[in-house]
Amino acid sequence: MSVRIRLRRINSKSSGRDNFRIVVTDRQNPRDSKFIEEIGCYDPNKQPASITIKKERYDYWVSKGAQPSDTVASLYKKVK
């Protein structure tokens, strides 16, 4: 199983209020389907954008071979 750390949309696209969860999921799963674990959230609507990531869980999954998406990796650098 190939594991990815990526964003999952939790609000509808038409609402204009995008909110995302940072989740660990199988690479083949669609964006908004089932996931293994939720490790954070991202709200780009706030000024400044609200980012929370459980750093110990992020590091755990990366040590187990999970690959973060480009967006999640850049968000993690901002929090770190």
PDB file of N, CA and C in Angstrom:
ATOM      1  N   MET A   1       0.850  -1.181   0.000  1.00  0.00           N
ATOM      2  CA  MET A   1       0.000   0.000   0.000  1.00  0.00           C
ATOM      3  C   MET A   1       0.890   1.236   0.000  1.00  0.00           C
ATOM      4  N   SER A   2       0.645   2.123  -0.946  1.00  0.00           N
ATOM      5  CA  SER A   2       1.373   3.370  -1.044  1.00  0.00           C
ATOM      6  C   SER A   2       0.556   4.471  -0.361  1.00  0.00           C
ATOM      7  N   VAL A   3       1.154   5.141   0.602  1.00  0.00           N
ATOM      8  CA  VAL A   3       0.412   6.094   1.433  1.00  0.00           C
ATOM      9  C   VAL A   3       0.819   7.522   1.094  1.00  0.00           C
ATOM     10  N   ARG A   4      -0.177   8.411   1.063  1.00  0.00           N
ATOM     11  CA  ARG A   4       0.023   9.830   0.790  1.00  0.00           C
ATOM     12  C   ARG A   4      -0.549  10.664   1.922  1.00  0.00           C
ATOM     13  N   ILE A   5       0.059  11.817   2.163  1.00  0.00           N
ATOM     14  CA  ILE A   5      -0.489  12.816   3.075  1.00  0.00           C
ATOM     15  C   ILE A   5      -0.964  13.953   2.177  1.00  0.00           C
ATOM     16  N   ARG A   6      -2.282  14.218   2.206  1.00  0.00           N
ATOM     17  CA  ARG A   6      -2.829  15.217   1.286  1.00  0.00           C
ATOM     18  C   ARG A   6      -4.048  15.910   1.872  1.00  0.00           C
ATOM     19  N   LEU A   7      -4.560  16.880   1.119  1.00  0.00           N
ATOM     20  CA  LEU A   7      -5.721  17.649   1.560  1.00  0.00           C
ATOM     21  C   LEU A   7      -7.016  16.938   1.180  1.00  0.00           C
ATOM     22  N   ARG A   8      -8.027  17.129   2.021  1.00  0.00           N
ATOM     23  CA  ARG A   8      -9.370  16.599   1.780  1.00  0.00           C
ATOM     24  C   ARG A   8     -10.349  17.749   1.984  1.00  0.00           C
ATOM     25  N   ARG A   9     -11.137  18.075   0.952  1.00  0.00           N
ATOM     26  CA  ARG A   9     -12.088  19.190   1.041  1.00  0.00           C
ATOM     27  C   ARG A   9     -13.270  18.780   1.917  1.00  0.00           C
ATOM     28  N   ILE A  10     -13.681  19.680   2.834  1.00  0.00           N
ATOM     29  CA  ILE A  10     -14.821  19.357   3.698  1.00  0.00           C
ATOM     30  C   ILE A  10     -16.014  20.268   3.450  1.00  0.00           C
ATOM     31  N   ASN A  11     -15.858  21.360   2.705  1.00  0.00           N
ATOM     32  CA  ASN A  11     -16.986  22.218   2.332  1.00  0.00           C
ATOM     33  C   ASN A  11     -17.234  22.066   0.845  1.00  0.00           C
ATOM     34  N   SER A  12     -18.445  22.383   0.430  1.00  0.00           N
ATOM     35  CA  SER A  12     -18.757  22.278  -0.986  1.00  0.00           C
ATOM     36  C   SER A  12     -18.024  23.357  -1.769  1.00  0.00           C
ATOM     37  N   LYS A  13     -17.709  23.043  -2.997  1.00  0.00           N
ATOM     38  CA  LYS A  13     -16.979  23.974  -3.839  1.00  0.00           C
ATOM     39  C   LYS A  13     -17.820  25.218  -4.139  1.00  0.00           C
ATOM     40  N   SER A  14     -19.122  25.038  -4.253  1.00  0.00           N
ATOM     41  CA  SER A  14     -19.998  26.155  -4.606  1.00  0.00           C
ATOM     42  C   SER A  14     -20.185  27.155  -3.466  1.00  0.00           C
ATOM     43  N   SER A  15     -19.887  26.746  -2.231  1.00  0.00           N
ATOM     44  CA  SER A  15     -20.094  27.652  -1.101  1.00  0.00           C
ATOM     45  C   SER A  15     -19.072  28.787  -1.070  1.00  0.00           C
ATOM     46  N   GLY A  16     -17.923  28.581  -1.707  1.00  0.00           N
ATOM     47  CA  GLY A  16     -16.899  29.613  -1.723  1.00  0.00           C
ATOM     48  C   GLY A  16     -16.094  29.697  -0.441  1.00  0.00           C
ATOM     49  N   ARG A  17     -16.362  28.818   0.511  1.00  0.00           N
ATOM     50  CA  ARG A  17     -15.643  28.804   1.786  1.00  0.00           C
ATOM     51  C   ARG A  17     -14.892  27.485   1.891  1.00  0.00           C
ATOM     52  N   ASP A  18     -13.797  27.396   1.190  1.00  0.00           N
ATOM     53  CA  ASP A  18     -13.017  26.170   1.191  1.00  0.00           C
ATOM     54  C   ASP A  18     -12.390  25.923   2.549  1.00  0.00           C
ATOM     55  N   ASN A  19     -12.573  24.721   3.066  1.00  0.00           N
ATOM     56  CA  ASN A  19     -11.912  24.249   4.277  1.00  0.00           C
ATOM     57  C   ASN A  19     -11.375  22.872   3.958  1.00  0.00           C
ATOM     58  N   PHE A  20     -10.205  22.569   4.479  1.00  0.00           N
ATOM     59  CA  PHE A  20      -9.567  21.305   4.168  1.00  0.00           C
ATOM     60  C   PHE A  20      -9.106  20.612   5.435  1.00  0.00           C
ATOM     61  N   ARG A  21      -9.060  19.303   5.399  1.00  0.00           N
ATOM     62  CA  ARG A  21      -8.439  18.489   6.427  1.00  0.00           C
ATOM     63  C   ARG A  21      -7.183  17.898   5.812  1.00  0.00           C
ATOM     64  N   ILE A  22      -6.154  17.747   6.618  1.00  0.00           N
ATOM     65  CA  ILE A  22      -4.925  17.098   6.177  1.00  0.00           C
ATOM     66  C   ILE A  22      -5.024  15.654   6.634  1.00  0.00           C
ATOM     67  N   VAL A  23      -5.036  14.728   5.666  1.00  0.00           N
ATOM     68  CA  VAL A  23      -5.296  13.327   5.977  1.00  0.00           C
ATOM     69  C   VAL A  23      -4.207  12.430   5.400  1.00  0.00           C
ATOM     70  N   VAL A  24      -4.103  11.251   6.008  1.00  0.00           N
ATOM     71  CA  VAL A  24      -3.234  10.185   5.506  1.00  0.00           C
ATOM     72  C   VAL A  24      -4.154   9.186   4.821  1.00  0.00           C
ATOM     73  N   THR A  25      -3.875   8.880   3.564  1.00  0.00           N
ATOM     74  CA  THR A  25      -4.748   8.004   2.798  1.00  0.00           C
ATOM     75  C   THR A  25      -3.949   7.174   1.804  1.00  0.00           C
ATOM     76  N   ASP A  26      -4.582   6.131   1.300  1.00  0.00           N
ATOM     77  CA  ASP A  26      -3.977   5.327   0.247  1.00  0.00           C
ATOM     78  C   ASP A  26      -3.897   6.180  -1.019  1.00  0.00           C
ATOM     79  N   ARG A  27      -2.831   6.055  -1.765  1.00  0.00           N
ATOM     80  CA  ARG A  27      -2.605   6.875  -2.948  1.00  0.00           C
ATOM     81  C   ARG A  27      -3.729   6.724  -3.978  1.00  0.00           C
ATOM     82  N   GLN A  28      -4.345   5.557  -4.063  1.00  0.00           N
ATOM     83  CA  GLN A  28      -5.339   5.301  -5.106  1.00  0.00           C
ATOM     84  C   GLN A  28      -6.736   5.801  -4.747  1.00  0.00           C
ATOM     85  N   ASN A  29      -6.972   6.188  -3.502  1.00  0.00           N
ATOM     86  CA  ASN A  29      -8.290   6.681  -3.103  1.00  0.00           C
ATOM     87  C   ASN A  29      -8.554   8.052  -3.705  1.00  0.00           C
ATOM     88  N   PRO A  30      -9.811   8.346  -4.066  1.00  0.00           N
ATOM     89  CA  PRO A  30     -10.163   9.689  -4.529  1.00  0.00           C
ATOM     90  C   PRO A  30      -9.963  10.718  -3.415  1.00  0.00           C
ATOM     91  N   ARG A  31      -9.937  11.993  -3.776  1.00  0.00           N
ATOM     92  CA  ARG A  31      -9.617  13.067  -2.835  1.00  0.00           C
ATOM     93  C   ARG A  31     -10.505  13.078  -1.595  1.00  0.00           C
ATOM     94  N   ASP A  32     -11.804  12.914  -1.761  1.00  0.00           N
ATOM     95  CA  ASP A  32     -12.721  13.066  -0.640  1.00  0.00           C
ATOM     96  C   ASP A  32     -13.280  11.742  -0.119  1.00  0.00           C
ATOM     97  N   SER A  33     -12.589  10.643  -0.365  1.00  0.00           N
ATOM     98  CA  SER A  33     -13.095   9.350   0.088  1.00  0.00           C
ATOM     99  C   SER A  33     -12.502   8.979   1.447  1.00  0.00           C
ATOM    100  N   LYS A  34     -12.552   7.706   1.786  1.00  0.00           N
ATOM    101  CA  LYS A  34     -12.079   7.254   3.090  1.00  0.00           C
ATOM    102  C   LYS A  34     -10.595   7.561   3.284  1.00  0.00           C
ATOM    103  N   PHE A  35     -10.194   7.635   4.543  1.00  0.00           N
ATOM    104  CA  PHE A  35      -8.806   7.937   4.861  1.00  0.00           C
ATOM    105  C   PHE A  35      -8.387   7.136   6.079  1.00  0.00           C
ATOM    106  N   ILE A  36      -7.087   7.070   6.315  1.00  0.00           N
ATOM    107  CA  ILE A  36      -6.537   6.310   7.434  1.00  0.00           C
ATOM    108  C   ILE A  36      -6.575   7.131   8.711  1.00  0.00           C
ATOM    109  N   GLU A  37      -6.085   8.373   8.634  1.00  0.00           N
ATOM    110  CA  GLU A  37      -6.007   9.222   9.824  1.00  0.00           C
ATOM    111  C   GLU A  37      -6.052  10.691   9.426  1.00  0.00           C
ATOM    112  N   GLU A  38      -6.704  11.493  10.247  1.00  0.00           N
ATOM    113  CA  GLU A  38      -6.722  12.936  10.066  1.00  0.00           C
ATOM    114  C   GLU A  38      -5.657  13.536  10.973  1.00  0.00           C
ATOM    115  N   ILE A  39      -4.726  14.305  10.392  1.00  0.00           N
ATOM    116  CA  ILE A  39      -3.618  14.831  11.197  1.00  0.00           C
ATOM    117  C   ILE A  39      -3.580  16.356  11.257  1.00  0.00           C
ATOM    118  N   GLY A  40      -4.564  17.026  10.666  1.00  0.00           N
ATOM    119  CA  GLY A  40      -4.570  18.478  10.752  1.00  0.00           C
ATOM    120  C   GLY A  40      -5.689  19.095   9.952  1.00  0.00           C
ATOM    121  N   CYS A  41      -5.692  20.428   9.926  1.00  0.00           N
ATOM    122  CA  CYS A  41      -6.692  21.150   9.140  1.00  0.00           C
ATOM    123  C   CYS A  41      -6.075  22.432   8.582  1.00  0.00           C
ATOM    124  N   TYR A  42      -6.724  22.950   7.533  1.00  0.00           N
ATOM    125  CA  TYR A  42      -6.244  24.142   6.843  1.00  0.00           C
ATOM    126  C   TYR A  42      -7.455  24.964   6.416  1.00  0.00           C
ATOM    127  N   ASP A  43      -7.494  26.221   6.846  1.00  0.00           N
ATOM    128  CA  ASP A  43      -8.567  27.133   6.472  1.00  0.00           C
ATOM    129  C   ASP A  43      -7.945  28.352   5.784  1.00  0.00           C
ATOM    130  N   PRO A  44      -7.991  28.394   4.447  1.00  0.00           N
ATOM    131  CA  PRO A  44      -7.373  29.509   3.729  1.00  0.00           C
ATOM    132  C   PRO A  44      -8.191  30.795   3.771  1.00  0.00           C
ATOM    133  N   ASN A  45      -9.412  30.753   4.305  1.00  0.00           N
ATOM    134  CA  ASN A  45     -10.294  31.927   4.313  1.00  0.00           C
ATOM    135  C   ASN A  45      -9.946  32.928   5.400  1.00  0.00           C
ATOM    136  N   LYS A  46      -9.294  32.488   6.446  1.00  0.00           N
ATOM    137  CA  LYS A  46      -8.916  33.401   7.531  1.00  0.00           C
ATOM    138  C   LYS A  46      -7.682  34.201   7.137  1.00  0.00           C
ATOM    139  N   GLN A  47      -7.519  35.356   7.757  1.00  0.00           N
ATOM    140  CA  GLN A  47      -6.338  36.180   7.504  1.00  0.00           C
ATOM    141  C   GLN A  47      -5.552  36.315   8.784  1.00  0.00           C
ATOM    142  N   PRO A  48      -4.388  35.763   8.940  1.00  0.00           N
ATOM    143  CA  PRO A  48      -3.717  34.856   8.007  1.00  0.00           C
ATOM    144  C   PRO A  48      -4.359  33.479   8.027  1.00  0.00           C
ATOM    145  N   ALA A  49      -4.038  32.676   7.029  1.00  0.00           N
ATOM    146  CA  ALA A  49      -4.622  31.336   6.899  1.00  0.00           C
ATOM    147  C   ALA A  49      -4.345  30.508   8.151  1.00  0.00           C
ATOM    148  N   SER A  50      -5.343  29.760   8.572  1.00  0.00           N
ATOM    149  CA  SER A  50      -5.231  28.925   9.770  1.00  0.00           C
ATOM    150  C   SER A  50      -4.727  27.540   9.383  1.00  0.00           C
ATOM    151  N   ILE A  51      -3.578  27.150   9.935  1.00  0.00           N
ATOM    152  CA  ILE A  51      -2.978  25.846   9.639  1.00  0.00           C
ATOM    153  C   ILE A  51      -2.656  25.169  10.962  1.00  0.00           C
ATOM    154  N   THR A  52      -3.163  23.952  11.156  1.00  0.00           N
ATOM    155  CA  THR A  52      -2.780  23.152  12.322  1.00  0.00           C
ATOM    156  C   THR A  52      -2.417  21.756  11.839  1.00  0.00           C
ATOM    157  N   ILE A  53      -1.264  21.289  12.258  1.00  0.00           N
ATOM    158  CA  ILE A  53      -0.798  19.949  11.901  1.00  0.00           C
ATOM    159  C   ILE A  53      -0.233  19.299  13.159  1.00  0.00           C
ATOM    160  N   LYS A  54      -0.618  18.064  13.405  1.00  0.00           N
ATOM    161  CA  LYS A  54      -0.044  17.291  14.502  1.00  0.00           C
ATOM    162  C   LYS A  54       1.336  16.839  14.036  1.00  0.00           C
ATOM    163  N   LYS A  55       2.367  17.568  14.480  1.00  0.00           N
ATOM    164  CA  LYS A  55       3.725  17.349  13.978  1.00  0.00           C
ATOM    165  C   LYS A  55       4.236  15.946  14.268  1.00  0.00           C
ATOM    166  N   GLU A  56       3.935  15.408  15.455  1.00  0.00           N
ATOM    167  CA  GLU A  56       4.439  14.066  15.791  1.00  0.00           C
ATOM    168  C   GLU A  56       3.810  13.000  14.887  1.00  0.00           C
ATOM    169  N   ARG A  57       2.534  13.166  14.533  1.00  0.00           N
ATOM    170  CA  ARG A  57       1.888  12.195  13.639  1.00  0.00           C
ATOM    171  C   ARG A  57       2.388  12.365  12.206  1.00  0.00           C
ATOM    172  N   TYR A  58       2.622  13.609  11.778  1.00  0.00           N
ATOM    173  CA  TYR A  58       3.179  13.859  10.452  1.00  0.00           C
ATOM    174  C   TYR A  58       4.543  13.188  10.333  1.00  0.00           C
ATOM    175  N   ASP A  59       5.411  13.413  11.330  1.00  0.00           N
ATOM    176  CA  ASP A  59       6.746  12.822  11.311  1.00  0.00           C
ATOM    177  C   ASP A  59       6.678  11.294  11.356  1.00  0.00           C
ATOM    178  N   TYR A  60       5.724  10.756  12.131  1.00  0.00           N
ATOM    179  CA  TYR A  60       5.556   9.305  12.205  1.00  0.00           C
ATOM    180  C   TYR A  60       5.230   8.729  10.829  1.00  0.00           C
ATOM    181  N   TRP A  61       4.254   9.326  10.139  1.00  0.00           N
ATOM    182  CA  TRP A  61       3.848   8.794   8.845  1.00  0.00           C
ATOM    183  C   TRP A  61       4.944   8.963   7.794  1.00  0.00           C
ATOM    184  N   VAL A  62       5.670  10.058   7.822  1.00  0.00           N
ATOM    185  CA  VAL A  62       6.776  10.254   6.879  1.00  0.00           C
ATOM    186  C   VAL A  62       7.867   9.217   7.137  1.00  0.00           C
ATOM    187  N   SER A  63       8.122   8.899   8.426  1.00  0.00           N
ATOM    188  CA  SER A  63       9.134   7.881   8.745  1.00  0.00           C
ATOM    189  C   SER A  63       8.709   6.489   8.284  1.00  0.00           C
ATOM    190  N   LYS A  64       7.392   6.270   8.163  1.00  0.00           N
ATOM    191  CA  LYS A  64       6.873   4.981   7.687  1.00  0.00           C
ATOM    192  C   LYS A  64       6.784   4.915   6.167  1.00  0.00           C
ATOM    193  N   GLY A  65       7.156   5.994   5.477  1.00  0.00           N
ATOM    194  CA  GLY A  65       7.196   5.985   4.018  1.00  0.00           C
ATOM    195  C   GLY A  65       6.097   6.768   3.327  1.00  0.00           C
ATOM    196  N   ALA A  66       5.239   7.441   4.077  1.00  0.00           N
ATOM    197  CA  ALA A  66       4.183   8.253   3.459  1.00  0.00           C
ATOM    198  C   ALA A  66       4.801   9.465   2.782  1.00  0.00           C
ATOM    199  N   GLN A  67       4.283   9.807   1.614  1.00  0.00           N
ATOM    200  CA  GLN A  67       4.805  10.949   0.882  1.00  0.00           C
ATOM    201  C   GLN A  67       3.789  12.085   0.918  1.00  0.00           C
ATOM    202  N   PRO A  68       4.171  13.260   1.424  1.00  0.00           N
ATOM    203  CA  PRO A  68       3.238  14.393   1.435  1.00  0.00           C
ATOM    204  C   PRO A  68       3.097  14.980   0.033  1.00  0.00           C
ATOM    205  N   SER A  69       1.918  15.492  -0.266  1.00  0.00           N
ATOM    206  CA  SER A  69       1.724  16.206  -1.528  1.00  0.00           C
ATOM    207  C   SER A  69       2.534  17.498  -1.459  1.00  0.00           C
ATOM    208  N   ASP A  70       2.725  18.139  -2.597  1.00  0.00           N
ATOM    209  CA  ASP A  70       3.498  19.381  -2.632  1.00  0.00           C
ATOM    210  C   ASP A  70       2.854  20.454  -1.746  1.00  0.00           C
ATOM    211  N   THR A  71       1.539  20.541  -1.777  1.00  0.00           N
ATOM    212  CA  THR A  71       0.823  21.542  -0.987  1.00  0.00           C
ATOM    213  C   THR A  71       0.980  21.287   0.506  1.00  0.00           C
ATOM    214  N   VAL A  72       0.818  20.038   0.918  1.00  0.00           N
ATOM    215  CA  VAL A  72       0.951  19.707   2.339  1.00  0.00           C
ATOM    216  C   VAL A  72       2.389  19.936   2.803  1.00  0.00           C
ATOM    217  N   ALA A  73       3.367  19.612   1.974  1.00  0.00           N
ATOM    218  CA  ALA A  73       4.764  19.839   2.349  1.00  0.00           C
ATOM    219  C   ALA A  73       5.028  21.328   2.557  1.00  0.00           C
ATOM    220  N   SER A  74       4.474  22.188   1.702  1.00  0.00           N
ATOM    221  CA  SER A  74       4.694  23.630   1.867  1.00  0.00           C
ATOM    222  C   SER A  74       3.952  24.162   3.104  1.00  0.00           C
ATOM    223  N   LEU A  75       2.769  23.623   3.392  1.00  0.00           N
ATOM    224  CA  LEU A  75       2.051  24.035   4.605  1.00  0.00           C
ATOM    225  C   LEU A  75       2.822  23.612   5.850  1.00  0.00           C
ATOM    226  N   TYR A  76       3.407  22.435   5.826  1.00  0.00           N
ATOM    227  CA  TYR A  76       4.175  21.946   6.971  1.00  0.00           C
ATOM    228  C   TYR A  76       5.400  22.841   7.226  1.00  0.00           C
ATOM    229  N   LYS A  77       6.051  23.302   6.158  1.00  0.00           N
ATOM    230  CA  LYS A  77       7.198  24.190   6.313  1.00  0.00           C
ATOM    231  C   LYS A  77       6.791  25.502   6.974  1.00  0.00           C
ATOM    232  N   LYS A  78       5.575  25.987   6.686  1.00  0.00           N
ATOM    233  CA  LYS A  78       5.102  27.240   7.281  1.00  0.00           C
ATOM    234  C   LYS A  78       4.835  27.062   8.765  1.00  0.00           C
ATOM    235  N   VAL A  79       4.352  25.878   9.161  1.00  0.00           N
ATOM    236  CA  VAL A  79       4.028  25.612  10.563  1.00  0.00           C
ATOM    237  C   VAL A  79       5.287  25.325  11.357  1.00  0.00           C
ATOM    238  N   LYS A  80       6.221  24.643  10.747  1.00  0.00           N
ATOM    239  CA  LYS A  80       7.453  24.223  11.399  1.00  0.00           C
ATOM    240  C   LYS A  80       8.242  25.402  11.799  1.00  0.00           C
TER     241      LYS A  80
END
